[in-house]
Structures are given as C-alpha cells and as structure tokens.
Amino acid sequence: MCRREPTAPGCRYITLWTTVAAVRLTEFHEMVREEFGQVRGDSMLIDHVLQSLDGMTAAEAVEAGWEPREVWRALCVEFDVPPARR
C-alpha cells in the first residue's frame, strides 16, 4: 500500500526506500526488526529522536543522507545493544 500511496496513513518513512540503495536500506530495516521486533522497531525509526544524529529520528537521518550503518550504530548505542549484535 505504501509504495503505491506514500501519503497513506502509516507510511511516514516510505521515502527511505528511494533515498539510499535498497539493499543496504533493506538490511538496515532487517537489523532493526531482528533486534527490536517489528512493531517496536518500526515505531523507533519514526518516533525516537537521537541526539547523536542532530536531533533527528532514524528515519529522518536516513532520508537526510546519513548512512544506514551510522544510524544503526546510533540506535545501538542509545538502546545498549551488545557489541556482538552491532
């Protein structure tokens, strides 16, 4: 639904798919969902503000051009993800 209608409710971060290479971004989303779960992970991407990313959410940071790997590292630090899973 979101790919056809990016303005539909619940599609706040669909533009991420078009801003960075899809493979890297897909991996980023997979890591977030594996670590935090689908619902919590999706919510964190659009709701949690990370001061280390200039006060942006993870979704905003990726859309603004931050590398998904750097955004992932910021999430890991913020949420105390063990180094082995980073």
N, C-alpha and C. Protein backbone atom coordinates (compact mmCIF):
# COMPACT_ATOMS: atom_id res chain seq x y z
N MET A 1 0.82 -1.19 0.00
CA MET A 1 0.00 0.00 0.00
C MET A 1 0.87 1.26 0.00
N CYS A 2 1.89 1.29 0.86
CA CYS A 2 2.71 2.49 0.99
C CYS A 2 3.48 2.81 -0.28
N ARG A 3 3.92 1.79 -1.01
CA ARG A 3 4.69 2.05 -2.22
C ARG A 3 3.83 2.72 -3.29
N ARG A 4 2.55 2.36 -3.33
CA ARG A 4 1.66 2.97 -4.32
C ARG A 4 1.09 4.29 -3.83
N GLU A 5 0.88 4.40 -2.53
CA GLU A 5 0.30 5.61 -1.95
C GLU A 5 1.14 6.06 -0.76
N PRO A 6 2.28 6.74 -1.00
CA PRO A 6 3.17 7.10 0.09
C PRO A 6 2.56 8.06 1.10
N THR A 7 1.45 8.68 0.78
CA THR A 7 0.83 9.59 1.73
C THR A 7 -0.24 8.90 2.57
N ALA A 8 -0.43 7.60 2.37
CA ALA A 8 -1.43 6.86 3.15
C ALA A 8 -1.01 6.82 4.62
N PRO A 9 -1.98 6.72 5.54
CA PRO A 9 -1.65 6.64 6.97
C PRO A 9 -0.70 5.47 7.23
N GLY A 10 0.29 5.71 8.09
CA GLY A 10 1.25 4.68 8.42
C GLY A 10 2.43 4.58 7.47
N CYS A 11 2.53 5.47 6.50
CA CYS A 11 3.60 5.41 5.50
C CYS A 11 4.58 6.56 5.66
N ARG A 12 4.86 6.94 6.88
CA ARG A 12 5.70 8.10 7.12
C ARG A 12 7.14 7.94 6.68
N TYR A 13 7.65 6.71 6.61
CA TYR A 13 9.06 6.55 6.25
C TYR A 13 9.26 5.87 4.90
N ILE A 14 8.25 5.84 4.06
CA ILE A 14 8.37 5.18 2.77
C ILE A 14 9.43 5.84 1.88
N THR A 15 9.67 7.14 2.04
CA THR A 15 10.67 7.79 1.20
C THR A 15 12.06 7.25 1.46
N LEU A 16 12.28 6.57 2.58
CA LEU A 16 13.58 5.96 2.84
C LEU A 16 13.97 5.00 1.74
N TRP A 17 13.00 4.29 1.19
CA TRP A 17 13.31 3.28 0.18
C TRP A 17 13.90 3.91 -1.07
N THR A 18 13.64 5.16 -1.32
CA THR A 18 14.12 5.79 -2.54
C THR A 18 15.36 6.64 -2.33
N THR A 19 15.82 6.82 -1.10
CA THR A 19 16.94 7.72 -0.87
C THR A 19 18.28 7.04 -0.76
N VAL A 20 18.31 5.76 -0.45
CA VAL A 20 19.56 5.02 -0.27
C VAL A 20 19.43 3.72 -1.04
N ALA A 21 20.53 3.14 -1.44
CA ALA A 21 20.48 1.87 -2.15
C ALA A 21 19.60 0.89 -1.39
N ALA A 22 18.67 0.27 -2.10
CA ALA A 22 17.65 -0.57 -1.47
C ALA A 22 18.25 -1.74 -0.69
N VAL A 23 19.33 -2.31 -1.17
CA VAL A 23 19.91 -3.46 -0.47
C VAL A 23 20.40 -3.05 0.91
N ARG A 24 21.14 -1.97 1.00
CA ARG A 24 21.66 -1.52 2.30
C ARG A 24 20.52 -1.12 3.21
N LEU A 25 19.54 -0.43 2.68
CA LEU A 25 18.43 0.02 3.49
C LEU A 25 17.58 -1.16 3.95
N THR A 26 17.42 -2.13 3.09
CA THR A 26 16.68 -3.33 3.47
C THR A 26 17.39 -4.04 4.61
N GLU A 27 18.70 -4.14 4.52
CA GLU A 27 19.48 -4.76 5.60
C GLU A 27 19.33 -3.98 6.90
N PHE A 28 19.34 -2.67 6.81
CA PHE A 28 19.15 -1.81 7.98
C PHE A 28 17.81 -2.12 8.65
N HIS A 29 16.76 -2.16 7.86
CA HIS A 29 15.43 -2.45 8.42
C HIS A 29 15.37 -3.85 9.01
N GLU A 30 16.02 -4.80 8.36
CA GLU A 30 16.05 -6.17 8.89
C GLU A 30 16.75 -6.21 10.25
N MET A 31 17.88 -5.50 10.37
CA MET A 31 18.61 -5.49 11.64
C MET A 31 17.76 -4.85 12.74
N VAL A 32 17.09 -3.76 12.41
CA VAL A 32 16.24 -3.09 13.40
C VAL A 32 15.13 -4.02 13.85
N ARG A 33 14.48 -4.67 12.93
CA ARG A 33 13.36 -5.56 13.27
C ARG A 33 13.83 -6.80 14.02
N GLU A 34 15.00 -7.34 13.66
CA GLU A 34 15.53 -8.50 14.37
C GLU A 34 15.88 -8.15 15.81
N GLU A 35 16.44 -6.98 16.01
CA GLU A 35 16.88 -6.58 17.36
C GLU A 35 15.72 -6.12 18.24
N PHE A 36 14.81 -5.36 17.68
CA PHE A 36 13.78 -4.72 18.49
C PHE A 36 12.37 -5.24 18.24
N GLY A 37 12.19 -6.09 17.26
CA GLY A 37 10.86 -6.56 16.90
C GLY A 37 10.24 -5.63 15.86
N GLN A 38 9.28 -6.15 15.12
CA GLN A 38 8.72 -5.37 14.02
C GLN A 38 8.00 -4.10 14.50
N VAL A 39 7.10 -4.24 15.44
CA VAL A 39 6.30 -3.09 15.87
C VAL A 39 7.17 -2.05 16.57
N ARG A 40 7.96 -2.50 17.55
CA ARG A 40 8.80 -1.56 18.28
C ARG A 40 9.85 -0.95 17.35
N GLY A 41 10.46 -1.77 16.51
CA GLY A 41 11.48 -1.26 15.60
C GLY A 41 10.93 -0.22 14.63
N ASP A 42 9.79 -0.52 14.04
CA ASP A 42 9.17 0.45 13.12
C ASP A 42 8.83 1.75 13.83
N SER A 43 8.34 1.63 15.05
CA SER A 43 8.00 2.82 15.83
C SER A 43 9.24 3.63 16.18
N MET A 44 10.31 2.95 16.57
CA MET A 44 11.56 3.65 16.92
C MET A 44 12.09 4.45 15.75
N LEU A 45 11.98 3.92 14.56
CA LEU A 45 12.51 4.61 13.38
C LEU A 45 11.86 5.96 13.16
N ILE A 46 10.59 6.06 13.47
CA ILE A 46 9.88 7.31 13.17
C ILE A 46 9.57 8.17 14.41
N ASP A 47 9.72 7.59 15.60
CA ASP A 47 9.32 8.32 16.80
C ASP A 47 10.47 8.72 17.73
N HIS A 48 11.52 7.93 17.79
CA HIS A 48 12.58 8.19 18.77
C HIS A 48 13.62 9.15 18.21
N VAL A 49 13.81 10.27 18.89
CA VAL A 49 14.79 11.28 18.48
C VAL A 49 16.16 10.91 19.05
N LEU A 50 17.15 10.91 18.20
CA LEU A 50 18.53 10.58 18.58
C LEU A 50 19.38 11.85 18.57
N GLN A 51 19.85 12.25 19.74
CA GLN A 51 20.66 13.46 19.82
C GLN A 51 21.96 13.32 19.04
N SER A 52 22.50 12.09 18.97
CA SER A 52 23.74 11.88 18.23
C SER A 52 23.56 12.04 16.72
N LEU A 53 22.31 12.09 16.27
CA LEU A 53 22.02 12.31 14.85
C LEU A 53 21.39 13.69 14.66
N ASP A 54 21.93 14.64 15.39
CA ASP A 54 21.48 16.04 15.28
C ASP A 54 20.01 16.22 15.61
N GLY A 55 19.50 15.41 16.55
CA GLY A 55 18.12 15.56 16.99
C GLY A 55 17.09 15.06 15.99
N MET A 56 17.51 14.16 15.11
CA MET A 56 16.58 13.59 14.14
C MET A 56 16.18 12.18 14.58
N THR A 57 15.09 11.71 14.02
CA THR A 57 14.75 10.30 14.19
C THR A 57 15.62 9.50 13.22
N ALA A 58 15.64 8.20 13.39
CA ALA A 58 16.43 7.36 12.49
C ALA A 58 15.93 7.51 11.05
N ALA A 59 14.63 7.53 10.88
CA ALA A 59 14.05 7.68 9.53
C ALA A 59 14.44 9.02 8.91
N GLU A 60 14.37 10.07 9.71
CA GLU A 60 14.74 11.40 9.20
C GLU A 60 16.23 11.45 8.84
N ALA A 61 17.06 10.81 9.66
CA ALA A 61 18.51 10.82 9.41
C ALA A 61 18.84 10.11 8.10
N VAL A 62 18.24 8.95 7.86
CA VAL A 62 18.50 8.23 6.61
C VAL A 62 18.01 9.05 5.43
N GLU A 63 16.84 9.63 5.57
CA GLU A 63 16.30 10.45 4.49
C GLU A 63 17.17 11.68 4.22
N ALA A 64 17.82 12.19 5.28
CA ALA A 64 18.69 13.36 5.13
C ALA A 64 20.07 13.01 4.60
N GLY A 65 20.34 11.71 4.39
CA GLY A 65 21.60 11.33 3.78
C GLY A 65 22.59 10.61 4.69
N TRP A 66 22.23 10.40 5.95
CA TRP A 66 23.11 9.62 6.82
C TRP A 66 23.18 8.20 6.30
N GLU A 67 24.34 7.58 6.43
CA GLU A 67 24.49 6.18 6.04
C GLU A 67 23.69 5.31 6.99
N PRO A 68 22.96 4.34 6.48
CA PRO A 68 22.19 3.45 7.35
C PRO A 68 23.04 2.80 8.43
N ARG A 69 24.31 2.48 8.13
CA ARG A 69 25.19 1.86 9.11
C ARG A 69 25.43 2.80 10.29
N GLU A 70 25.61 4.09 10.03
CA GLU A 70 25.81 5.06 11.09
C GLU A 70 24.55 5.23 11.93
N VAL A 71 23.41 5.20 11.29
CA VAL A 71 22.13 5.30 12.01
C VAL A 71 21.95 4.06 12.89
N TRP A 72 22.29 2.89 12.35
CA TRP A 72 22.21 1.66 13.13
C TRP A 72 23.10 1.75 14.36
N ARG A 73 24.32 2.23 14.19
CA ARG A 73 25.24 2.36 15.34
C ARG A 73 24.68 3.31 16.38
N ALA A 74 24.08 4.40 15.94
CA ALA A 74 23.49 5.34 16.90
C ALA A 74 22.35 4.69 17.68
N LEU A 75 21.52 3.91 17.00
CA LEU A 75 20.45 3.19 17.69
C LEU A 75 21.02 2.19 18.69
N CYS A 76 22.08 1.50 18.30
CA CYS A 76 22.70 0.51 19.18
C CYS A 76 23.25 1.15 20.45
N VAL A 77 23.89 2.29 20.31
CA VAL A 77 24.43 3.00 21.47
C VAL A 77 23.28 3.47 22.36
N GLU A 78 22.29 4.07 21.75
CA GLU A 78 21.15 4.61 22.50
C GLU A 78 20.40 3.54 23.29
N PHE A 79 20.28 2.35 22.71
CA PHE A 79 19.49 1.29 23.34
C PHE A 79 20.35 0.16 23.89
N ASP A 80 21.64 0.42 24.11
CA ASP A 80 22.54 -0.55 24.74
C ASP A 80 22.52 -1.93 24.10
N VAL A 81 22.57 -1.97 22.79
CA VAL A 81 22.66 -3.24 22.08
C VAL A 81 24.07 -3.80 22.31
N PRO A 82 24.18 -5.05 22.73
CA PRO A 82 25.53 -5.61 22.97
C PRO A 82 26.39 -5.55 21.70
N PRO A 83 27.68 -5.30 21.88
CA PRO A 83 28.58 -5.18 20.72
C PRO A 83 28.51 -6.38 19.75
N ALA A 84 28.29 -7.55 20.25
CA ALA A 84 28.24 -8.73 19.37
C ALA A 84 27.10 -8.66 18.38
N ARG A 85 26.07 -7.87 18.67
CA ARG A 85 24.91 -7.78 17.77
C ARG A 85 24.90 -6.48 16.98
N ARG A 86 25.95 -5.71 17.06
CA ARG A 86 26.00 -4.46 16.32
C ARG A 86 26.48 -4.72 14.96
